[in-house]
């Protein structure tokens, strides 16, 4: 069995740290902050997406390309 690339807690920590920086960023903050109404829900979705990719949890059930098309 292959070793895990990371733990679910590490995915959570990374998503939260990354988006904390995005929200404070001079360039990205003004783009992301008005676009996201519920940051807690958005980060939970992103954790599910990355946990599915990195850990094979299959938590995320969506189409990220379709969601972001037109933004």
Protein backbone atom coordinates (compact mmCIF):
# COMPACT_ATOMS: atom_id res chain seq x y z
CA UNK A 1 0.00 0.00 0.00
CA UNK A 2 1.33 3.43 -0.93
CA UNK A 3 2.03 5.94 1.82
CA UNK A 4 -0.43 8.80 2.19
CA UNK A 5 0.65 12.03 0.58
CA UNK A 6 -0.89 13.95 3.47
CA UNK A 7 -3.56 13.71 6.13
CA UNK A 8 -7.04 15.18 6.01
CA UNK A 9 -6.01 17.64 8.73
CA UNK A 10 -3.12 18.80 6.56
CA UNK A 11 -5.55 19.38 3.68
CA UNK A 12 -7.80 21.40 6.02
CA UNK A 13 -4.86 23.43 7.32
CA UNK A 14 -3.56 24.13 3.81
CA UNK A 15 -6.94 25.25 2.43
CA UNK A 16 -7.59 27.52 5.43
CA UNK A 17 -4.08 29.04 5.36
CA UNK A 18 -4.16 29.55 1.59
CA UNK A 19 -7.51 31.33 1.58
CA UNK A 20 -6.58 33.45 4.61
CA UNK A 21 -3.69 34.77 2.51
CA UNK A 22 -5.88 35.18 -0.59
CA UNK A 23 -8.41 37.23 1.37
CA UNK A 24 -5.67 39.60 2.63
CA UNK A 25 -3.86 39.88 -0.70
CA UNK A 26 -3.97 43.31 -2.36
CA UNK A 27 -4.71 41.88 -5.81
CA UNK A 28 -6.61 38.66 -5.11
CA UNK A 29 -8.64 39.82 -2.10
CA UNK A 30 -10.77 42.29 -4.09
CA UNK A 31 -11.54 39.54 -6.61
CA UNK A 32 -12.33 36.70 -4.20
CA UNK A 33 -13.94 38.52 -1.28
CA UNK A 34 -16.99 39.87 -3.16
CA UNK A 35 -17.42 36.57 -5.03
CA UNK A 36 -17.68 34.36 -1.92
CA UNK A 37 -20.76 34.87 0.27
CA UNK A 38 -20.04 32.11 2.79
CA UNK A 39 -16.34 31.48 3.31
CA UNK A 40 -16.88 28.63 5.78
CA UNK A 41 -19.03 26.71 3.29
CA UNK A 42 -16.68 27.51 0.41
CA UNK A 43 -13.63 26.28 2.33
CA UNK A 44 -15.50 23.11 3.33
CA UNK A 45 -16.22 22.45 -0.35
CA UNK A 46 -12.57 23.02 -1.22
CA UNK A 47 -11.41 20.70 1.56
CA UNK A 48 -13.77 18.05 0.18
CA UNK A 49 -12.41 18.59 -3.34
CA UNK A 50 -8.75 18.38 -2.34
CA UNK A 51 -9.32 15.47 0.06
CA UNK A 52 -10.95 13.63 -2.85
CA UNK A 53 -7.96 14.34 -5.09
CA UNK A 54 -5.17 13.81 -2.56
CA UNK A 55 -6.66 11.14 -0.31
CA UNK A 56 -9.24 9.46 -2.52
CA UNK A 57 -12.04 10.21 -0.04
CA UNK A 58 -14.62 10.81 -2.79
CA UNK A 59 -16.14 13.55 -0.59
CA UNK A 60 -16.50 16.02 -3.43
CA UNK A 61 -19.40 15.49 -5.79
CA UNK A 62 -19.36 18.32 -8.25
CA UNK A 63 -17.94 19.81 -11.39
CA UNK A 64 -15.45 22.57 -10.56
CA UNK A 65 -15.03 23.61 -14.19
CA UNK A 66 -18.77 24.12 -14.65
CA UNK A 67 -19.03 26.06 -11.38
CA UNK A 68 -16.30 28.51 -12.40
CA UNK A 69 -17.24 28.85 -16.06
CA UNK A 70 -18.37 32.38 -16.75
CA UNK A 71 -16.61 33.93 -13.71
